[in-house]
Amino acid sequence: MQLLEIKGHRILEVDATGPQIGIESDAIDLIGEAYEQSADLIALPLSRLHPDFLELRTGMAGAFLQKMQTYRYRVALVGDISQEIGASTALRDFVYECNAVGQTLFVADQKDLASRL
């Protein structure tokens, strides 16, 4: 993990490789690390997400993101999910709502993230 600063935001960028992330205890671990680093946003590569994370019916994304929101951490899910969005109207609507509210952002890359901050 590394700490970045973009437009005054301290961002904890999670490494692209490593164990899968997606359950509530993973969120707590990331929140702890972000707190230690004084980060206000966590950038999580889609490559690290558990395969069921974007399957909304599993509830995994909802529980994980709710934990982030409870502790007032913003999270950016970084990567291309155009194929998944194309296959799921529910996911497309979820991504749209998340990006509109801004607590959780789905972004293509770091440049896209910077433009939304």
C-alpha atoms as a PDB file:
ATOM      1  CA  MET A   1       0.000   0.000   0.000  1.00  0.00           C
ATOM      2  CA  GLN A   2       1.109   3.512  -0.651  1.00  0.00           C
ATOM      3  CA  LEU A   3      -0.113   6.951   0.286  1.00  0.00           C
ATOM      4  CA  LEU A   4      -0.875   9.464  -2.458  1.00  0.00           C
ATOM      5  CA  GLU A   5      -2.001  13.049  -2.292  1.00  0.00           C
ATOM      6  CA  ILE A   6      -4.299  14.280  -5.054  1.00  0.00           C
ATOM      7  CA  LYS A   7      -6.006  17.664  -4.866  1.00  0.00           C
ATOM      8  CA  GLY A   8      -5.590  17.820  -1.109  1.00  0.00           C
ATOM      9  CA  HIS A   9      -6.954  14.310  -0.524  1.00  0.00           C
ATOM     10  CA  ARG A  10      -4.783  11.726   1.201  1.00  0.00           C
ATOM     11  CA  ILE A  11      -5.413   8.466  -0.622  1.00  0.00           C
ATOM     12  CA  LEU A  12      -4.433   5.021   0.564  1.00  0.00           C
ATOM     13  CA  GLU A  13      -3.771   3.110  -2.657  1.00  0.00           C
ATOM     14  CA  VAL A  14      -4.088  -0.630  -2.196  1.00  0.00           C
ATOM     15  CA  ASP A  15      -1.630  -2.787  -4.154  1.00  0.00           C
ATOM     16  CA  ALA A  16      -3.004  -4.397  -7.314  1.00  0.00           C
ATOM     17  CA  THR A  17      -1.775  -7.825  -6.251  1.00  0.00           C
ATOM     18  CA  GLY A  18      -2.484  -9.706  -3.073  1.00  0.00           C
ATOM     19  CA  PRO A  19      -5.303 -11.610  -1.409  1.00  0.00           C
ATOM     20  CA  GLN A  20      -8.890 -11.051  -2.458  1.00  0.00           C
ATOM     21  CA  ILE A  21     -10.825  -8.345  -0.643  1.00  0.00           C
ATOM     22  CA  GLY A  22     -14.553  -8.105  -0.154  1.00  0.00           C
ATOM     23  CA  ILE A  23     -15.838  -9.112   3.263  1.00  0.00           C
ATOM     24  CA  GLU A  24     -16.569  -6.789   6.183  1.00  0.00           C
ATOM     25  CA  SER A  25     -13.410  -7.751   8.072  1.00  0.00           C
ATOM     26  CA  ASP A  26     -11.386  -6.700   5.001  1.00  0.00           C
ATOM     27  CA  ALA A  27     -13.096  -3.314   5.155  1.00  0.00           C
ATOM     28  CA  ILE A  28     -12.165  -2.988   8.826  1.00  0.00           C
ATOM     29  CA  ASP A  29      -8.537  -3.837   8.052  1.00  0.00           C
ATOM     30  CA  LEU A  30      -8.428  -1.185   5.314  1.00  0.00           C
ATOM     31  CA  ILE A  31     -10.097   1.375   7.569  1.00  0.00           C
ATOM     32  CA  GLY A  32      -7.458   0.712  10.227  1.00  0.00           C
ATOM     33  CA  GLU A  33      -4.653   1.160   7.727  1.00  0.00           C
ATOM     34  CA  ALA A  34      -6.237   4.338   6.326  1.00  0.00           C
ATOM     35  CA  TYR A  35      -6.605   5.711   9.856  1.00  0.00           C
ATOM     36  CA  GLU A  36      -2.946   5.009  10.634  1.00  0.00           C
ATOM     37  CA  GLN A  37      -1.911   6.807   7.435  1.00  0.00           C
ATOM     38  CA  SER A  38      -4.366   9.713   7.992  1.00  0.00           C
ATOM     39  CA  ALA A  39      -5.943   8.918   4.622  1.00  0.00           C
ATOM     40  CA  ASP A  40      -9.438  10.123   3.799  1.00  0.00           C
ATOM     41  CA  LEU A  41     -10.008   7.915   0.745  1.00  0.00           C
ATOM     42  CA  ILE A  42      -9.126   4.312  -0.057  1.00  0.00           C
ATOM     43  CA  ALA A  43      -8.369   3.412  -3.686  1.00  0.00           C
ATOM     44  CA  LEU A  44      -9.023  -0.278  -4.216  1.00  0.00           C
ATOM     45  CA  PRO A  45      -8.136  -1.938  -7.533  1.00  0.00           C
ATOM     46  CA  LEU A  46     -10.883  -4.131  -8.955  1.00  0.00           C
ATOM     47  CA  SER A  47      -8.268  -6.842  -9.456  1.00  0.00           C
ATOM     48  CA  ARG A  48      -8.245  -7.353  -5.668  1.00  0.00           C
ATOM     49  CA  LEU A  49     -12.013  -7.758  -5.302  1.00  0.00           C
ATOM     50  CA  HIS A  50     -13.542 -11.129  -4.530  1.00  0.00           C
ATOM     51  CA  PRO A  51     -15.258 -12.480  -7.694  1.00  0.00           C
ATOM     52  CA  ASP A  52     -18.677 -12.255  -6.013  1.00  0.00           C
ATOM     53  CA  PHE A  53     -18.244  -8.605  -4.988  1.00  0.00           C
ATOM     54  CA  LEU A  54     -19.913  -7.165  -8.096  1.00  0.00           C
ATOM     55  CA  GLU A  55     -22.710  -9.756  -7.948  1.00  0.00           C
ATOM     56  CA  LEU A  56     -25.072  -7.523  -6.003  1.00  0.00           C
ATOM     57  CA  ARG A  57     -27.376 -10.361  -4.998  1.00  0.00           C
ATOM     58  CA  THR A  58     -24.615 -11.744  -2.744  1.00  0.00           C
ATOM     59  CA  GLY A  59     -24.736  -8.637  -0.544  1.00  0.00           C
ATOM     60  CA  MET A  60     -20.947  -8.575  -0.361  1.00  0.00           C
ATOM     61  CA  ALA A  61     -20.540  -5.114  -1.903  1.00  0.00           C
ATOM     62  CA  GLY A  62     -23.334  -3.666   0.207  1.00  0.00           C
ATOM     63  CA  ALA A  63     -21.898  -4.923   3.499  1.00  0.00           C
ATOM     64  CA  PHE A  64     -18.346  -3.896   2.602  1.00  0.00           C
ATOM     65  CA  LEU A  65     -19.294  -0.418   1.418  1.00  0.00           C
ATOM     66  CA  GLN A  66     -21.668   0.127   4.332  1.00  0.00           C
ATOM     67  CA  LYS A  67     -18.785  -0.543   6.720  1.00  0.00           C
ATOM     68  CA  MET A  68     -16.708   2.074   4.876  1.00  0.00           C
ATOM     69  CA  GLN A  69     -19.544   4.571   5.087  1.00  0.00           C
ATOM     70  CA  THR A  70     -20.152   3.877   8.777  1.00  0.00           C
ATOM     71  CA  TYR A  71     -16.560   4.874   9.498  1.00  0.00           C
ATOM     72  CA  ARG A  72     -16.805   7.812   7.081  1.00  0.00           C
ATOM     73  CA  TYR A  73     -14.218   6.597   4.610  1.00  0.00           C
ATOM     74  CA  ARG A  74     -14.635   7.232   0.947  1.00  0.00           C
ATOM     75  CA  VAL A  75     -13.614   4.414  -1.346  1.00  0.00           C
ATOM     76  CA  ALA A  76     -12.735   4.405  -5.022  1.00  0.00           C
ATOM     77  CA  LEU A  77     -12.981   1.121  -6.892  1.00  0.00           C
ATOM     78  CA  VAL A  78     -10.436   1.475  -9.655  1.00  0.00           C
ATOM     79  CA  GLY A  79     -10.619  -0.443 -12.931  1.00  0.00           C
ATOM     80  CA  ASP A  80     -12.737  -1.172 -15.963  1.00  0.00           C
ATOM     81  CA  ILE A  81     -16.104  -2.768 -15.194  1.00  0.00           C
ATOM     82  CA  SER A  82     -17.765  -1.947 -18.494  1.00  0.00           C
ATOM     83  CA  GLN A  83     -18.295  -5.636 -19.278  1.00  0.00           C
ATOM     84  CA  GLU A  84     -19.942  -6.294 -15.906  1.00  0.00           C
ATOM     85  CA  ILE A  85     -22.136  -3.197 -16.239  1.00  0.00           C
ATOM     86  CA  GLY A  86     -23.196  -4.321 -19.698  1.00  0.00           C
ATOM     87  CA  ALA A  87     -24.344  -7.637 -18.268  1.00  0.00           C
ATOM     88  CA  SER A  88     -26.272  -6.282 -15.274  1.00  0.00           C
ATOM     89  CA  THR A  89     -28.821  -3.488 -15.165  1.00  0.00           C
ATOM     90  CA  ALA A  90     -28.783  -3.612 -11.366  1.00  0.00           C
ATOM     91  CA  LEU A  91     -25.001  -3.133 -11.280  1.00  0.00           C
ATOM     92  CA  ARG A  92     -25.211  -0.305 -13.821  1.00  0.00           C
ATOM     93  CA  ASP A  93     -27.785   1.475 -11.641  1.00  0.00           C
ATOM     94  CA  PHE A  94     -25.723   0.828  -8.497  1.00  0.00           C
ATOM     95  CA  VAL A  95     -22.575   2.307 -10.070  1.00  0.00           C
ATOM     96  CA  TYR A  96     -24.537   5.325 -11.309  1.00  0.00           C
ATOM     97  CA  GLU A  97     -25.977   5.994  -7.836  1.00  0.00           C
ATOM     98  CA  CYS A  98     -22.636   5.505  -6.109  1.00  0.00           C
ATOM     99  CA  ASN A  99     -20.875   7.911  -8.451  1.00  0.00           C
ATOM    100  CA  ALA A 100     -23.698  10.467  -8.106  1.00  0.00           C
ATOM    101  CA  VAL A 101     -23.498  10.473  -4.295  1.00  0.00           C
ATOM    102  CA  GLY A 102     -19.688  10.358  -4.255  1.00  0.00           C
ATOM    103  CA  GLN A 103     -19.067   8.332  -1.085  1.00  0.00           C
ATOM    104  CA  THR A 104     -18.108   5.383  -3.285  1.00  0.00           C
ATOM    105  CA  LEU A 105     -16.640   6.022  -6.715  1.00  0.00           C
ATOM    106  CA  PHE A 106     -16.197   3.625  -9.589  1.00  0.00           C
ATOM    107  CA  VAL A 107     -13.349   4.989 -11.715  1.00  0.00           C
ATOM    108  CA  ALA A 108     -11.374   3.642 -14.645  1.00  0.00           C
ATOM    109  CA  ASP A 109      -7.947   4.731 -13.402  1.00  0.00           C
ATOM    110  CA  GLN A 110      -6.043   7.196 -11.229  1.00  0.00           C
ATOM    111  CA  LYS A 111      -6.534  10.009 -13.770  1.00  0.00           C
ATOM    112  CA  ASP A 112     -10.314   9.458 -13.667  1.00  0.00           C
ATOM    113  CA  LEU A 113     -10.177   9.485  -9.871  1.00  0.00           C
ATOM    114  CA  ALA A 114      -8.295  12.783  -9.843  1.00  0.00           C
ATOM    115  CA  SER A 115     -10.884  14.359 -12.136  1.00  0.00           C
ATOM    116  CA  ARG A 116     -13.705  13.384  -9.746  1.00  0.00           C
ATOM    117  CA  LEU A 117     -12.070  14.792  -6.634  1.00  0.00           C
END
